[in-house]
Structures are given as structure tokens and as C-alpha cells.
């Protein structure tokens, strides 16, 4: 009986550089384009951010990061209008900088 090993039989003949390029290609195929927000969505995000800063509420930020959509939960520590970014805190010493242009959605945390 013949047992076929599939693609495993070919990997021994490939150079490590080729294997890395193929893996990078697979990862790049999974990436998505950055969603474009309309004025209403941007205004809603601004309103939620202002209210959360006023009442020190915890928020859930959905943001775009190099082809991926990620989440971050935390409080707004500082709003930097010059750099156009938010400085967020989720714990006693954990800080995270998030650019305005990368924010896709903002919701209140359920805590």
C-alpha cells in the first residue's frame, strides 16, 4: 500500500528562504483592508470618547492594525491632539497609544 505524505514530501527539497516566503504570503492573504468611516460614525466615536473622558468610563476600542482588526479595553488617560492619538490605560502601569485614524469603533465596556 502506498502512503502519500502530501506536501510534507516537498518541504525537504525547499530552501528555508522559500518556506519563509510562502508563510509570509499566506499571512498576507489573510489581511483585510482598512474600513472607511463616514461622518456619522466619526461623530459618534467622538461623542462617546468625550463622555467617557468626562465620567472616567471604561471603553472597548476596535482598531485597525496592519491588516488585522484588534480590540483594546481601557480608560482614556490623555488625548493628544498634536499627534492625533489617544493614550489609554488598562491597569496600574499598562499604557497604550492609539491613533485616531486607526479607530474603527468605540463602545462602552460592560463592567
PDB file of N, CA and C in Angstrom:
ATOM      1  N   UNK A   1       0.832  -1.167   0.000  1.00  0.00           N
ATOM      2  CA  UNK A   1       0.000   0.000   0.000  1.00  0.00           C
ATOM      3  C   UNK A   1       0.889   1.248   0.000  1.00  0.00           C
ATOM      4  N   UNK A   2       0.585   2.214  -0.834  1.00  0.00           N
ATOM      5  CA  UNK A   2       1.355   3.449  -0.957  1.00  0.00           C
ATOM      6  C   UNK A   2       0.727   4.515  -0.071  1.00  0.00           C
ATOM      7  N   UNK A   3       1.573   5.118   0.782  1.00  0.00           N
ATOM      8  CA  UNK A   3       1.105   6.206   1.653  1.00  0.00           C
ATOM      9  C   UNK A   3       1.667   7.521   1.129  1.00  0.00           C
ATOM     10  N   UNK A   4       0.781   8.424   0.762  1.00  0.00           N
ATOM     11  CA  UNK A   4       1.198   9.724   0.267  1.00  0.00           C
ATOM     12  C   UNK A   4       1.333  10.685   1.435  1.00  0.00           C
ATOM     13  N   UNK A   5       2.463  11.373   1.531  1.00  0.00           N
ATOM     14  CA  UNK A   5       2.696  12.298   2.628  1.00  0.00           C
ATOM     15  C   UNK A   5       2.250  13.718   2.293  1.00  0.00           C
ATOM     16  N   UNK A   6       1.615  13.940   1.174  1.00  0.00           N
ATOM     17  CA  UNK A   6       1.125  15.261   0.812  1.00  0.00           C
ATOM     18  C   UNK A   6       2.251  16.236   0.558  1.00  0.00           C
ATOM     19  N   UNK A   7       2.111  17.427   1.069  1.00  0.00           N
ATOM     20  CA  UNK A   7       3.114  18.474   0.826  1.00  0.00           C
ATOM     21  C   UNK A   7       4.371  18.286   1.673  1.00  0.00           C
ATOM     22  N   UNK A   8       4.319  17.408   2.652  1.00  0.00           N
ATOM     23  CA  UNK A   8       5.489  17.180   3.513  1.00  0.00           C
ATOM     24  C   UNK A   8       6.670  16.656   2.696  1.00  0.00           C
ATOM     25  N   UNK A   9       6.397  15.852   1.688  1.00  0.00           N
ATOM     26  CA  UNK A   9       7.488  15.272   0.901  1.00  0.00           C
ATOM     27  C   UNK A   9       8.254  16.334   0.118  1.00  0.00           C
ATOM     28  N   UNK A  10       7.633  17.493  -0.163  1.00  0.00           N
ATOM     29  CA  UNK A  10       8.290  18.536  -0.942  1.00  0.00           C
ATOM     30  C   UNK A  10       9.038  19.531  -0.065  1.00  0.00           C
ATOM     31  N   UNK A  11       8.688  19.625   1.193  1.00  0.00           N
ATOM     32  CA  UNK A  11       9.329  20.636   2.036  1.00  0.00           C
ATOM     33  C   UNK A  11      10.810  20.345   2.272  1.00  0.00           C
ATOM     34  N   UNK A  12      11.211  19.105   2.214  1.00  0.00           N
ATOM     35  CA  UNK A  12      12.628  18.792   2.420  1.00  0.00           C
ATOM     36  C   UNK A  12      13.477  19.284   1.249  1.00  0.00           C
ATOM     37  N   UNK A  13      12.875  19.503   0.097  1.00  0.00           N
ATOM     38  CA  UNK A  13      13.629  19.980  -1.064  1.00  0.00           C
ATOM     39  C   UNK A  13      13.595  21.501  -1.192  1.00  0.00           C
ATOM     40  N   UNK A  14      12.882  22.187  -0.293  1.00  0.00           N
ATOM     41  CA  UNK A  14      12.769  23.641  -0.370  1.00  0.00           C
ATOM     42  C   UNK A  14      13.784  24.304   0.544  1.00  0.00           C
ATOM     43  N   UNK A  15      14.279  25.437   0.110  1.00  0.00           N
ATOM     44  CA  UNK A  15      15.196  26.209   0.933  1.00  0.00           C
ATOM     45  C   UNK A  15      14.414  26.907   2.050  1.00  0.00           C
ATOM     46  N   UNK A  16      15.029  27.157   3.189  1.00  0.00           N
ATOM     47  CA  UNK A  16      14.339  27.840   4.282  1.00  0.00           C
ATOM     48  C   UNK A  16      13.795  29.212   3.871  1.00  0.00           C
ATOM     49  N   UNK A  17      14.503  29.901   2.965  1.00  0.00           N
ATOM     50  CA  UNK A  17      14.039  31.208   2.489  1.00  0.00           C
ATOM     51  C   UNK A  17      12.710  31.067   1.743  1.00  0.00           C
ATOM     52  N   UNK A  18      12.589  29.994   0.959  1.00  0.00           N
ATOM     53  CA  UNK A  18      11.352  29.770   0.213  1.00  0.00           C
ATOM     54  C   UNK A  18      10.194  29.439   1.150  1.00  0.00           C
ATOM     55  N   UNK A  19      10.467  28.652   2.164  1.00  0.00           N
ATOM     56  CA  UNK A  19       9.431  28.306   3.137  1.00  0.00           C
ATOM     57  C   UNK A  19       8.950  29.570   3.849  1.00  0.00           C
ATOM     58  N   UNK A  20       9.898  30.447   4.233  1.00  0.00           N
ATOM     59  CA  UNK A  20       9.529  31.703   4.893  1.00  0.00           C
ATOM     60  C   UNK A  20       8.692  32.585   3.967  1.00  0.00           C
ATOM     61  N   UNK A  21       9.076  32.676   2.711  1.00  0.00           N
ATOM     62  CA  UNK A  21       8.312  33.480   1.756  1.00  0.00           C
ATOM     63  C   UNK A  21       6.893  32.936   1.571  1.00  0.00           C
ATOM     64  N   UNK A  22       6.759  31.627   1.532  1.00  0.00           N
ATOM     65  CA  UNK A  22       5.429  31.028   1.389  1.00  0.00           C
ATOM     66  C   UNK A  22       4.570  31.303   2.626  1.00  0.00           C
ATOM     67  N   UNK A  23       5.157  31.219   3.802  1.00  0.00           N
ATOM     68  CA  UNK A  23       4.407  31.516   5.032  1.00  0.00           C
ATOM     69  C   UNK A  23       3.997  32.984   5.084  1.00  0.00           C
ATOM     70  N   UNK A  24       4.908  33.881   4.699  1.00  0.00           N
ATOM     71  CA  UNK A  24       4.579  35.307   4.659  1.00  0.00           C
ATOM     72  C   UNK A  24       3.470  35.576   3.649  1.00  0.00           C
ATOM     73  N   UNK A  25       3.515  34.889   2.525  1.00  0.00           N
ATOM     74  CA  UNK A  25       2.474  35.055   1.509  1.00  0.00           C
ATOM     75  C   UNK A  25       1.114  34.612   2.054  1.00  0.00           C
ATOM     76  N   UNK A  26       1.088  33.492   2.767  1.00  0.00           N
ATOM     77  CA  UNK A  26      -0.162  33.012   3.361  1.00  0.00           C
ATOM     78  C   UNK A  26      -0.719  34.027   4.358  1.00  0.00           C
ATOM     79  N   UNK A  27       0.160  34.622   5.173  1.00  0.00           N
ATOM     80  CA  UNK A  27      -0.284  35.620   6.144  1.00  0.00           C
ATOM     81  C   UNK A  27      -0.824  36.862   5.444  1.00  0.00           C
ATOM     82  N   UNK A  28      -0.187  37.272   4.357  1.00  0.00           N
ATOM     83  CA  UNK A  28      -0.632  38.477   3.649  1.00  0.00           C
ATOM     84  C   UNK A  28      -1.984  38.257   2.979  1.00  0.00           C
ATOM     85  N   UNK A  29      -2.318  37.032   2.648  1.00  0.00           N
ATOM     86  CA  UNK A  29      -3.608  36.737   2.034  1.00  0.00           C
ATOM     87  C   UNK A  29      -4.750  36.863   3.038  1.00  0.00           C
ATOM     88  N   UNK A  30      -4.449  36.719   4.329  1.00  0.00           N
ATOM     89  CA  UNK A  30      -5.463  36.800   5.373  1.00  0.00           C
ATOM     90  C   UNK A  30      -5.758  38.245   5.787  1.00  0.00           C
ATOM     91  N   UNK A  31      -4.921  39.185   5.398  1.00  0.00           N
ATOM     92  CA  UNK A  31      -5.093  40.576   5.810  1.00  0.00           C
ATOM     93  C   UNK A  31      -6.287  41.200   5.101  1.00  0.00           C
ATOM     94  N   UNK A  32      -6.898  42.178   5.792  1.00  0.00           N
ATOM     95  CA  UNK A  32      -8.057  42.867   5.237  1.00  0.00           C
ATOM     96  C   UNK A  32      -7.725  44.347   5.051  1.00  0.00           C
ATOM     97  N   UNK A  33      -8.527  45.016   4.248  1.00  0.00           N
ATOM     98  CA  UNK A  33      -8.340  46.444   4.036  1.00  0.00           C
ATOM     99  C   UNK A  33      -8.967  47.226   5.181  1.00  0.00           C
ATOM    100  N   UNK A  34      -8.441  48.414   5.405  1.00  0.00           N
ATOM    101  CA  UNK A  34      -8.951  49.262   6.474  1.00  0.00           C
ATOM    102  C   UNK A  34     -10.335  49.788   6.101  1.00  0.00           C
ATOM    103  N   UNK A  35     -11.315  49.608   6.986  1.00  0.00           N
ATOM    104  CA  UNK A  35     -12.654  50.141   6.714  1.00  0.00           C
ATOM    105  C   UNK A  35     -12.649  51.671   6.731  1.00  0.00           C
ATOM    106  N   UNK A  36     -13.482  52.256   5.890  1.00  0.00           N
ATOM    107  CA  UNK A  36     -13.600  53.712   5.819  1.00  0.00           C
ATOM    108  C   UNK A  36     -14.859  54.125   6.567  1.00  0.00           C
ATOM    109  N   UNK A  37     -14.705  55.064   7.496  1.00  0.00           N
ATOM    110  CA  UNK A  37     -15.830  55.526   8.310  1.00  0.00           C
ATOM    111  C   UNK A  37     -16.473  56.757   7.673  1.00  0.00           C
ATOM    112  N   UNK A  38     -17.781  56.854   7.807  1.00  0.00           N
ATOM    113  CA  UNK A  38     -18.460  58.056   7.332  1.00  0.00           C
ATOM    114  C   UNK A  38     -18.511  59.097   8.463  1.00  0.00           C
ATOM    115  N   UNK A  39     -19.020  60.281   8.169  1.00  0.00           N
ATOM    116  CA  UNK A  39     -19.029  61.373   9.148  1.00  0.00           C
ATOM    117  C   UNK A  39     -19.861  61.046  10.380  1.00  0.00           C
ATOM    118  N   UNK A  40     -20.959  60.352  10.188  1.00  0.00           N
ATOM    119  CA  UNK A  40     -21.833  59.993  11.313  1.00  0.00           C
ATOM    120  C   UNK A  40     -21.110  59.074  12.296  1.00  0.00           C
ATOM    121  N   UNK A  41     -20.382  58.093  11.786  1.00  0.00           N
ATOM    122  CA  UNK A  41     -19.642  57.169  12.647  1.00  0.00           C
ATOM    123  C   UNK A  41     -18.526  57.896  13.399  1.00  0.00           C
ATOM    124  N   UNK A  42     -17.841  58.807  12.718  1.00  0.00           N
ATOM    125  CA  UNK A  42     -16.761  59.569  13.356  1.00  0.00           C
ATOM    126  C   UNK A  42     -17.327  60.457  14.464  1.00  0.00           C
ATOM    127  N   UNK A  43     -18.458  61.085  14.202  1.00  0.00           N
ATOM    128  CA  UNK A  43     -19.096  61.941  15.209  1.00  0.00           C
ATOM    129  C   UNK A  43     -19.540  61.123  16.425  1.00  0.00           C
ATOM    130  N   UNK A  44     -20.072  59.931  16.174  1.00  0.00           N
ATOM    131  CA  UNK A  44     -20.500  59.048  17.272  1.00  0.00           C
ATOM    132  C   UNK A  44     -19.307  58.624  18.131  1.00  0.00           C
ATOM    133  N   UNK A  45     -18.191  58.294  17.488  1.00  0.00           N
ATOM    134  CA  UNK A  45     -16.968  57.918  18.211  1.00  0.00           C
ATOM    135  C   UNK A  45     -16.487  59.094  19.065  1.00  0.00           C
ATOM    136  N   UNK A  46     -16.472  60.290  18.499  1.00  0.00           N
ATOM    137  CA  UNK A  46     -16.045  61.489  19.242  1.00  0.00           C
ATOM    138  C   UNK A  46     -16.931  61.740  20.457  1.00  0.00           C
ATOM    139  N   UNK A  47     -18.225  61.563  20.278  1.00  0.00           N
ATOM    140  CA  UNK A  47     -19.169  61.792  21.377  1.00  0.00           C
ATOM    141  C   UNK A  47     -18.939  60.791  22.512  1.00  0.00           C
ATOM    142  N   UNK A  48     -18.745  59.535  22.178  1.00  0.00           N
ATOM    143  CA  UNK A  48     -18.501  58.506  23.189  1.00  0.00           C
ATOM    144  C   UNK A  48     -17.187  58.785  23.926  1.00  0.00           C
ATOM    145  N   UNK A  49     -16.159  59.178  23.184  1.00  0.00           N
ATOM    146  CA  UNK A  49     -14.862  59.474  23.802  1.00  0.00           C
ATOM    147  C   UNK A  49     -14.975  60.653  24.765  1.00  0.00           C
ATOM    148  N   UNK A  50     -15.663  61.711  24.354  1.00  0.00           N
ATOM    149  CA  UNK A  50     -15.818  62.890  25.233  1.00  0.00           C
ATOM    150  C   UNK A  50     -16.582  62.540  26.509  1.00  0.00           C
ATOM    151  N   UNK A  51     -17.646  61.770  26.371  1.00  0.00           N
ATOM    152  CA  UNK A  51     -18.429  61.384  27.542  1.00  0.00           C
ATOM    153  C   UNK A  51     -17.620  60.471  28.466  1.00  0.00           C
ATOM    154  N   UNK A  52     -16.858  59.555  27.886  1.00  0.00           N
ATOM    155  CA  UNK A  52     -16.047  58.640  28.699  1.00  0.00           C
ATOM    156  C   UNK A  52     -14.949  59.393  29.441  1.00  0.00           C
ATOM    157  N   UNK A  53     -14.373  60.404  28.815  1.00  0.00           N
ATOM    158  CA  UNK A  53     -13.344  61.199  29.490  1.00  0.00           C
ATOM    159  C   UNK A  53     -13.950  61.991  30.647  1.00  0.00           C
ATOM    160  N   UNK A  54     -15.152  62.501  30.444  1.00  0.00           N
ATOM    161  CA  UNK A  54     -15.809  63.302  31.469  1.00  0.00           C
ATOM    162  C   UNK A  54     -16.176  62.464  32.693  1.00  0.00           C
ATOM    163  N   UNK A  55     -16.644  61.235  32.465  1.00  0.00           N
ATOM    164  CA  UNK A  55     -17.110  60.386  33.558  1.00  0.00           C
ATOM    165  C   UNK A  55     -16.148  59.246  33.895  1.00  0.00           C
ATOM    166  N   UNK A  56     -14.960  59.240  33.282  1.00  0.00           N
ATOM    167  CA  UNK A  56     -13.939  58.211  33.513  1.00  0.00           C
ATOM    168  C   UNK A  56     -14.495  56.792  33.319  1.00  0.00           C
ATOM    169  N   UNK A  57     -15.142  56.577  32.197  1.00  0.00           N
ATOM    170  CA  UNK A  57     -15.718  55.262  31.888  1.00  0.00           C
ATOM    171  C   UNK A  57     -14.729  54.427  31.090  1.00  0.00           C
ATOM    172  N   UNK A  58     -14.839  53.124  31.258  1.00  0.00           N
ATOM    173  CA  UNK A  58     -14.001  52.195  30.509  1.00  0.00           C
ATOM    174  C   UNK A  58     -14.635  51.942  29.141  1.00  0.00           C
ATOM    175  N   UNK A  59     -13.786  51.912  28.112  1.00  0.00           N
ATOM    176  CA  UNK A  59     -14.262  51.740  26.745  1.00  0.00           C
ATOM    177  C   UNK A  59     -13.623  50.519  26.084  1.00  0.00           C
ATOM    178  N   UNK A  60     -14.301  50.026  25.054  1.00  0.00           N
ATOM    179  CA  UNK A  60     -13.766  48.959  24.210  1.00  0.00           C
ATOM    180  C   UNK A  60     -13.478  49.585  22.849  1.00  0.00           C
ATOM    181  N   UNK A  61     -12.213  49.621  22.475  1.00  0.00           N
ATOM    182  CA  UNK A  61     -11.789  50.201  21.199  1.00  0.00           C
ATOM    183  C   UNK A  61     -11.566  49.083  20.191  1.00  0.00           C
ATOM    184  N   UNK A  62     -12.190  49.205  19.042  1.00  0.00           N
ATOM    185  CA  UNK A  62     -11.934  48.315  17.916  1.00  0.00           C
ATOM    186  C   UNK A  62     -11.076  49.124  16.952  1.00  0.00           C
ATOM    187  N   UNK A  63      -9.885  48.598  16.620  1.00  0.00           N
ATOM    188  CA  UNK A  63      -8.969  49.370  15.786  1.00  0.00           C
ATOM    189  C   UNK A  63      -8.300  48.488  14.740  1.00  0.00           C
ATOM    190  N   UNK A  64      -7.800  49.156  13.712  1.00  0.00           N
ATOM    191  CA  UNK A  64      -7.133  48.505  12.591  1.00  0.00           C
ATOM    192  C   UNK A  64      -5.635  48.529  12.833  1.00  0.00           C
ATOM    193  N   UNK A  65      -4.989  47.357  12.683  1.00  0.00           N
ATOM    194  CA  UNK A  65      -3.550  47.266  12.913  1.00  0.00           C
ATOM    195  C   UNK A  65      -2.915  46.374  11.856  1.00  0.00           C
ATOM    196  N   UNK A  66      -2.358  46.981  10.813  1.00  0.00           N
ATOM    197  CA  UNK A  66      -1.637  46.276   9.756  1.00  0.00           C
ATOM    198  C   UNK A  66      -2.394  45.068   9.204  1.00  0.00           C
ATOM    199  N   UNK A  67      -3.603  45.291   8.744  1.00  0.00           N
ATOM    200  CA  UNK A  67      -4.376  44.232   8.112  1.00  0.00           C
ATOM    201  C   UNK A  67      -5.215  43.405   9.057  1.00  0.00           C
ATOM    202  N   UNK A  68      -5.213  43.716  10.310  1.00  0.00           N
ATOM    203  CA  UNK A  68      -5.998  42.971  11.293  1.00  0.00           C
ATOM    204  C   UNK A  68      -6.881  43.930  12.085  1.00  0.00           C
ATOM    205  N   UNK A  69      -8.014  43.420  12.564  1.00  0.00           N
ATOM    206  CA  UNK A  69      -8.898  44.169  13.436  1.00  0.00           C
ATOM    207  C   UNK A  69      -8.651  43.664  14.857  1.00  0.00           C
ATOM    208  N   UNK A  70      -8.313  44.580  15.765  1.00  0.00           N
ATOM    209  CA  UNK A  70      -7.995  44.203  17.141  1.00  0.00           C
ATOM    210  C   UNK A  70      -8.864  44.977  18.119  1.00  0.00           C
ATOM    211  N   UNK A  71      -8.909  44.482  19.359  1.00  0.00           N
ATOM    212  CA  UNK A  71      -9.675  45.120  20.432  1.00  0.00           C
ATOM    213  C   UNK A  71      -8.736  45.545  21.556  1.00  0.00           C
ATOM    214  N   UNK A  72      -9.107  46.631  22.212  1.00  0.00           N
ATOM    215  CA  UNK A  72      -8.390  47.074  23.405  1.00  0.00           C
ATOM    216  C   UNK A  72      -9.418  47.623  24.382  1.00  0.00           C
ATOM    217  N   UNK A  73      -9.338  47.202  25.634  1.00  0.00           N
ATOM    218  CA  UNK A  73     -10.265  47.659  26.669  1.00  0.00           C
ATOM    219  C   UNK A  73      -9.470  48.476  27.674  1.00  0.00           C
ATOM    220  N   UNK A  74      -9.938  49.718  27.915  1.00  0.00           N
ATOM    221  CA  UNK A  74      -9.231  50.557  28.886  1.00  0.00           C
ATOM    222  C   UNK A  74      -9.859  51.931  29.024  1.00  0.00           C
ATOM    223  N   UNK A  75      -9.235  52.737  29.876  1.00  0.00           N
ATOM    224  CA  UNK A  75      -9.671  54.108  30.129  1.00  0.00           C
ATOM    225  C   UNK A  75      -8.806  55.070  29.325  1.00  0.00           C
ATOM    226  N   UNK A  76      -9.368  56.208  28.976  1.00  0.00           N
ATOM    227  CA  UNK A  76      -8.601  57.236  28.281  1.00  0.00           C
ATOM    228  C   UNK A  76      -7.800  58.012  29.323  1.00  0.00           C
ATOM    229  N   UNK A  77      -6.496  58.015  29.159  1.00  0.00           N
ATOM    230  CA  UNK A  77      -5.610  58.720  30.073  1.00  0.00           C
ATOM    231  C   UNK A  77      -5.343  60.138  29.577  1.00  0.00           C
ATOM    232  N   UNK A  78      -5.141  60.277  28.268  1.00  0.00           N
ATOM    233  CA  UNK A  78      -4.785  61.579  27.704  1.00  0.00           C
ATOM    234  C   UNK A  78      -5.169  61.612  26.237  1.00  0.00           C
ATOM    235  N   UNK A  79      -5.624  62.760  25.790  1.00  0.00           N
ATOM    236  CA  UNK A  79      -5.987  62.986  24.391  1.00  0.00           C
ATOM    237  C   UNK A  79      -4.947  63.927  23.792  1.00  0.00           C
ATOM    238  N   UNK A  80      -4.109  63.406  22.895  1.00  0.00           N
ATOM    239  CA  UNK A  80      -3.035  64.191  22.293  1.00  0.00           C
ATOM    240  C   UNK A  80      -3.487  64.669  20.914  1.00  0.00           C
ATOM    241  N   UNK A  81      -3.869  65.943  20.825  1.00  0.00           N
ATOM    242  CA  UNK A  81      -4.366  66.485  19.555  1.00  0.00           C
ATOM    243  C   UNK A  81      -3.245  66.794  18.574  1.00  0.00           C
ATOM    244  N   UNK A  82      -2.035  66.999  19.059  1.00  0.00           N
ATOM    245  CA  UNK A  82      -0.907  67.289  18.168  1.00  0.00           C
ATOM    246  C   UNK A  82      -0.500  66.024  17.412  1.00  0.00           C
ATOM    247  N   UNK A  83      -0.364  64.934  18.123  1.00  0.00           N
ATOM    248  CA  UNK A  83      -0.005  63.655  17.491  1.00  0.00           C
ATOM    249  C   UNK A  83      -1.211  62.906  16.948  1.00  0.00           C
ATOM    250  N   UNK A  84      -2.395  63.398  17.251  1.00  0.00           N
ATOM    251  CA  UNK A  84      -3.658  62.788  16.841  1.00  0.00           C
ATOM    252  C   UNK A  84      -3.751  61.344  17.318  1.00  0.00           C
ATOM    253  N   UNK A  85      -3.621  61.174  18.640  1.00  0.00           N
ATOM    254  CA  UNK A  85      -3.712  59.850  19.223  1.00  0.00           C
ATOM    255  C   UNK A  85      -4.282  59.921  20.631  1.00  0.00           C
ATOM    256  N   UNK A  86      -4.772  58.774  21.090  1.00  0.00           N
ATOM    257  CA  UNK A  86      -5.262  58.614  22.459  1.00  0.00           C
ATOM    258  C   UNK A  86      -4.221  57.832  23.240  1.00  0.00           C
ATOM    259  N   UNK A  87      -4.035  58.209  24.474  1.00  0.00           N
ATOM    260  CA  UNK A  87      -3.190  57.413  25.371  1.00  0.00           C
ATOM    261  C   UNK A  87      -4.137  56.733  26.339  1.00  0.00           C
ATOM    262  N   UNK A  88      -4.098  55.412  26.329  1.00  0.00           N
ATOM    263  CA  UNK A  88      -5.049  54.613  27.093  1.00  0.00           C
ATOM    264  C   UNK A  88      -4.347  53.865  28.207  1.00  0.00           C
ATOM    265  N   UNK A  89      -5.115  53.563  29.270  1.00  0.00           N
ATOM    266  CA  UNK A  89      -4.618  52.763  30.388  1.00  0.00           C
ATOM    267  C   UNK A  89      -5.604  51.637  30.642  1.00  0.00           C
ATOM    268  N   UNK A  90      -5.079  50.434  30.876  1.00  0.00           N
ATOM    269  CA  UNK A  90      -5.960  49.334  31.243  1.00  0.00           C
ATOM    270  C   UNK A  90      -5.623  48.764  32.604  1.00  0.00           C
ATOM    271  N   UNK A  91      -4.571  49.229  33.202  1.00  0.00           N
ATOM    272  CA  UNK A  91      -4.174  48.740  34.519  1.00  0.00           C
ATOM    273  C   UNK A  91      -3.331  49.795  35.208  1.00  0.00           C
ATOM    274  N   UNK A  92      -2.702  49.429  36.314  1.00  0.00           N
ATOM    275  CA  UNK A  92      -1.925  50.403  37.073  1.00  0.00           C
ATOM    276  C   UNK A  92      -0.750  50.996  36.289  1.00  0.00           C
ATOM    277  N   UNK A  93      -0.095  50.221  35.452  1.00  0.00           N
ATOM    278  CA  UNK A  93       1.055  50.746  34.720  1.00  0.00           C
ATOM    279  C   UNK A  93       1.014  50.455  33.243  1.00  0.00           C
ATOM    280  N   UNK A  94      -0.035  49.831  32.763  1.00  0.00           N
ATOM    281  CA  UNK A  94      -0.126  49.451  31.358  1.00  0.00           C
ATOM    282  C   UNK A  94      -0.719  50.584  30.539  1.00  0.00           C
ATOM    283  N   UNK A  95       0.054  51.062  29.570  1.00  0.00           N
ATOM    284  CA  UNK A  95      -0.396  52.162  28.706  1.00  0.00           C
ATOM    285  C   UNK A  95      -0.302  51.736  27.257  1.00  0.00           C
ATOM    286  N   UNK A  96      -1.150  52.343  26.440  1.00  0.00           N
ATOM    287  CA  UNK A  96      -1.235  52.002  25.024  1.00  0.00           C
ATOM    288  C   UNK A  96      -1.577  53.259  24.242  1.00  0.00           C
ATOM    289  N   UNK A  97      -0.862  53.525  23.158  1.00  0.00           N
ATOM    290  CA  UNK A  97      -1.146  54.671  22.299  1.00  0.00           C
ATOM    291  C   UNK A  97      -1.926  54.193  21.086  1.00  0.00           C
ATOM    292  N   UNK A  98      -3.014  54.898  20.779  1.00  0.00           N
ATOM    293  CA  UNK A  98      -3.881  54.520  19.665  1.00  0.00           C
ATOM    294  C   UNK A  98      -4.150  55.752  18.809  1.00  0.00           C
ATOM    295  N   UNK A  99      -3.792  55.680  17.536  1.00  0.00           N
ATOM    296  CA  UNK A  99      -4.002  56.804  16.624  1.00  0.00           C
ATOM    297  C   UNK A  99      -5.483  56.931  16.272  1.00  0.00           C
ATOM    298  N   UNK A 100      -5.937  58.177  16.120  1.00  0.00           N
ATOM    299  CA  UNK A 100      -7.334  58.435  15.759  1.00  0.00           C
ATOM    300  C   UNK A 100      -7.701  57.721  14.462  1.00  0.00           C
ATOM    301  N   UNK A 101      -6.805  57.770  13.490  1.00  0.00           N
ATOM    302  CA  UNK A 101      -7.101  57.214  12.172  1.00  0.00           C
ATOM    303  C   UNK A 101      -7.263  55.697  12.170  1.00  0.00           C
ATOM    304  N   UNK A 102      -6.755  55.017  13.207  1.00  0.00           N
ATOM    305  CA  UNK A 102      -6.866  53.556  13.280  1.00  0.00           C
ATOM    306  C   UNK A 102      -8.136  53.086  13.979  1.00  0.00           C
ATOM    307  N   UNK A 103      -8.837  53.988  14.652  1.00  0.00           N
ATOM    308  CA  UNK A 103     -10.039  53.605  15.395  1.00  0.00           C
ATOM    309  C   UNK A 103     -11.175  53.334  14.420  1.00  0.00           C
ATOM    310  N   UNK A 104     -11.807  52.177  14.594  1.00  0.00           N
ATOM    311  CA  UNK A 104     -12.930  51.787  13.753  1.00  0.00           C
ATOM    312  C   UNK A 104     -14.240  51.927  14.505  1.00  0.00           C
ATOM    313  N   UNK A 105     -14.194  51.575  15.795  1.00  0.00           N
ATOM    314  CA  UNK A 105     -15.417  51.611  16.592  1.00  0.00           C
ATOM    315  C   UNK A 105     -15.063  51.767  18.065  1.00  0.00           C
ATOM    316  N   UNK A 106     -15.947  52.409  18.822  1.00  0.00           N
ATOM    317  CA  UNK A 106     -15.773  52.568  20.262  1.00  0.00           C
ATOM    318  C   UNK A 106     -17.097  52.238  20.921  1.00  0.00           C
ATOM    319  N   UNK A 107     -17.039  51.377  21.942  1.00  0.00           N
ATOM    320  CA  UNK A 107     -18.236  51.001  22.713  1.00  0.00           C
ATOM    321  C   UNK A 107     -17.905  51.097  24.190  1.00  0.00           C
ATOM    322  N   UNK A 108     -18.961  51.226  24.987  1.00  0.00           N
ATOM    323  CA  UNK A 108     -18.783  51.213  26.435  1.00  0.00           C
ATOM    324  C   UNK A 108     -18.525  49.785  26.897  1.00  0.00           C
ATOM    325  N   UNK A 109     -17.640  49.644  27.882  1.00  0.00           N
ATOM    326  CA  UNK A 109     -17.366  48.339  28.456  1.00  0.00           C
ATOM    327  C   UNK A 109     -18.544  47.909  29.318  1.00  0.00           C
ATOM    328  N   UNK A 110     -18.745  46.616  29.435  1.00  0.00           N
ATOM    329  CA  UNK A 110     -19.878  46.094  30.211  1.00  0.00           C
ATOM    330  C   UNK A 110     -19.533  45.881  31.664  1.00  0.00           C
ATOM    331  N   UNK A 111     -18.406  46.350  32.119  1.00  0.00           N
ATOM    332  CA  UNK A 111     -18.013  46.197  33.517  1.00  0.00           C
ATOM    333  C   UNK A 111     -18.885  47.015  34.411  1.00  0.00           C
TER     334      UNK A 111
END
